């Protein structure tokens, strides 16, 4: 896997600053690149019910989809955790369905990083071919 593109990390880091994580205190930023090079960023948004919380990866994906983007090349997830943090299972499912086997870059604000294909993070994914 190639090095994490700095512009993607920068966009994810900037989005992380807007996170609403009053309950978990776990701020996450994400940035998704389209095939034409556009970047859509998002942050996690929590609420008192916790069950209606939306992850940064889904915010970035939904922003891109709502603007008409349909082809994606890579995504980054940025946290302040001790180690790079992968997307949760729900995010992996949606990313698989809308983005396919794209590279998933994980970065920390301290500079640690890891990249891997989504298919490696999400083996035996369920999608339209299973219907």
Protein backbone atom coordinates (compact mmCIF):
# COMPACT_ATOMS: atom_id res chain seq x y z
CA UNK A 1 0.00 0.00 0.00
CA UNK A 2 1.31 3.45 -0.87
CA UNK A 3 1.98 6.29 1.52
CA UNK A 4 -1.02 8.18 2.84
CA UNK A 5 -1.62 11.32 0.76
CA UNK A 6 -0.98 14.37 2.93
CA UNK A 7 -3.90 16.35 1.48
CA UNK A 8 -6.30 13.60 2.58
CA UNK A 9 -4.83 13.49 6.10
CA UNK A 10 -5.01 17.28 6.28
CA UNK A 11 -8.68 17.29 5.26
CA UNK A 12 -9.52 14.55 7.77
CA UNK A 13 -7.60 16.30 10.54
CA UNK A 14 -9.38 19.58 9.84
CA UNK A 15 -12.79 17.86 9.81
CA UNK A 16 -11.95 16.19 13.14
CA UNK A 17 -11.80 19.64 14.76
CA UNK A 18 -15.56 19.99 14.13
CA UNK A 19 -16.49 16.68 15.77
CA UNK A 20 -19.33 16.73 18.27
CA UNK A 21 -18.13 14.09 20.73
CA UNK A 22 -19.44 15.34 24.05
CA UNK A 23 -20.21 11.85 25.31
CA UNK A 24 -17.36 9.63 24.13
CA UNK A 25 -14.72 12.38 23.86
CA UNK A 26 -13.45 10.39 20.83
CA UNK A 27 -13.19 12.87 17.98
CA UNK A 28 -12.87 11.42 14.49
CA UNK A 29 -12.30 13.06 11.14
CA UNK A 30 -12.50 11.42 7.74
CA UNK A 31 -11.87 12.43 4.16
CA UNK A 32 -12.97 10.54 1.05
CA UNK A 33 -11.44 11.12 -2.37
CA UNK A 34 -13.45 10.75 -5.58
CA UNK A 35 -12.12 9.49 -8.89
CA UNK A 36 -11.92 13.08 -10.17
CA UNK A 37 -9.80 14.14 -7.16
CA UNK A 38 -12.47 15.94 -5.12
CA UNK A 39 -12.30 15.43 -1.36
CA UNK A 40 -15.34 15.20 0.91
CA UNK A 41 -14.63 15.40 4.63
CA UNK A 42 -16.73 14.61 7.67
CA UNK A 43 -16.59 14.34 11.45
CA UNK A 44 -18.44 12.22 13.96
CA UNK A 45 -21.63 13.70 15.39
CA UNK A 46 -22.90 12.30 18.69
CA UNK A 47 -26.16 12.94 20.50
CA UNK A 48 -27.73 12.05 23.82
CA UNK A 49 -29.35 8.85 22.55
CA UNK A 50 -25.92 7.58 21.38
CA UNK A 51 -27.75 5.20 19.04
CA UNK A 52 -28.28 8.02 16.55
CA UNK A 53 -24.60 8.97 16.51
CA UNK A 54 -23.09 9.14 13.03
CA UNK A 55 -19.46 8.26 12.32
CA UNK A 56 -17.10 10.57 10.42
CA UNK A 57 -16.72 8.07 7.58
CA UNK A 58 -20.46 7.96 6.96
CA UNK A 59 -20.75 11.75 7.10
CA UNK A 60 -18.01 12.06 4.44
CA UNK A 61 -19.62 9.35 2.31
CA UNK A 62 -23.12 10.81 2.55
CA UNK A 63 -21.85 14.30 1.74
CA UNK A 64 -20.16 12.95 -1.38
CA UNK A 65 -23.17 10.88 -2.45
CA UNK A 66 -25.56 13.78 -1.85
CA UNK A 67 -23.44 15.94 -4.16
CA UNK A 68 -23.58 13.32 -6.94
CA UNK A 69 -20.19 11.65 -6.48
CA UNK A 70 -20.29 7.94 -7.31
CA UNK A 71 -16.70 6.78 -7.83
CA UNK A 72 -14.20 6.79 -4.96
CA UNK A 73 -10.50 6.02 -4.77
CA UNK A 74 -9.49 6.18 -1.08
CA UNK A 75 -10.50 7.26 2.41
CA UNK A 76 -8.67 8.35 5.54
CA UNK A 77 -9.75 8.11 9.18
CA UNK A 78 -7.99 10.45 11.64
CA UNK A 79 -8.12 10.10 15.44
CA UNK A 80 -6.02 11.04 18.47
CA UNK A 81 -5.92 7.40 19.61
CA UNK A 82 -2.66 5.68 20.52
CA UNK A 83 -2.84 3.57 17.36
CA UNK A 84 -4.48 4.03 13.95
CA UNK A 85 -8.22 3.38 14.18
CA UNK A 86 -10.18 1.49 11.49
CA UNK A 87 -13.78 2.23 10.50
CA UNK A 88 -16.48 0.50 12.54
CA UNK A 89 -18.47 -2.39 11.05
CA UNK A 90 -21.39 -0.24 9.90
CA UNK A 91 -19.02 2.13 8.11
CA UNK A 92 -17.18 -0.79 6.52
CA UNK A 93 -20.48 -2.09 5.14
CA UNK A 94 -21.48 1.24 3.59
CA UNK A 95 -17.99 1.91 2.26
CA UNK A 96 -17.96 -1.54 0.66
CA UNK A 97 -21.31 -1.02 -1.03
CA UNK A 98 -20.60 2.49 -2.35
CA UNK A 99 -16.80 2.55 -2.72
CA UNK A 100 -15.71 -1.05 -3.28
CA UNK A 101 -12.27 -2.28 -2.32
CA UNK A 102 -10.63 1.12 -1.88
CA UNK A 103 -7.53 1.78 0.25
CA UNK A 104 -8.40 2.71 3.83
CA UNK A 105 -5.79 4.96 5.43
CA UNK A 106 -5.79 5.30 9.19
CA UNK A 107 -3.79 8.10 10.85
CA UNK A 108 -3.33 9.54 14.30
CA UNK A 109 -2.73 13.14 15.23
CA UNK A 110 0.64 12.00 16.61
CA UNK A 111 1.75 10.79 13.18
CA UNK A 112 1.19 7.01 13.35
CA UNK A 113 -0.45 5.53 10.28
CA UNK A 114 -1.53 2.33 8.58
CA UNK A 115 -3.15 1.58 5.23
CA UNK A 116 -4.92 -1.49 3.91
CA UNK A 117 -7.53 -2.42 1.31
CA UNK A 118 -11.12 -2.33 2.56
CA UNK A 119 -11.51 -5.97 1.49
CA UNK A 120 -8.81 -6.94 3.98
CA UNK A 121 -10.57 -5.02 6.75
CA UNK A 122 -13.94 -6.45 5.74
CA UNK A 123 -13.57 -10.01 4.46
CA UNK A 124 -16.67 -11.84 3.21
CA UNK A 125 -18.62 -8.62 2.79
CA UNK A 126 -22.34 -8.77 2.05
CA UNK A 127 -23.44 -6.81 -1.01
CA UNK A 128 -25.87 -6.78 -3.95
CA UNK A 129 -24.24 -9.91 -5.38
CA UNK A 130 -25.51 -11.83 -2.34
CA UNK A 131 -29.16 -10.92 -2.95
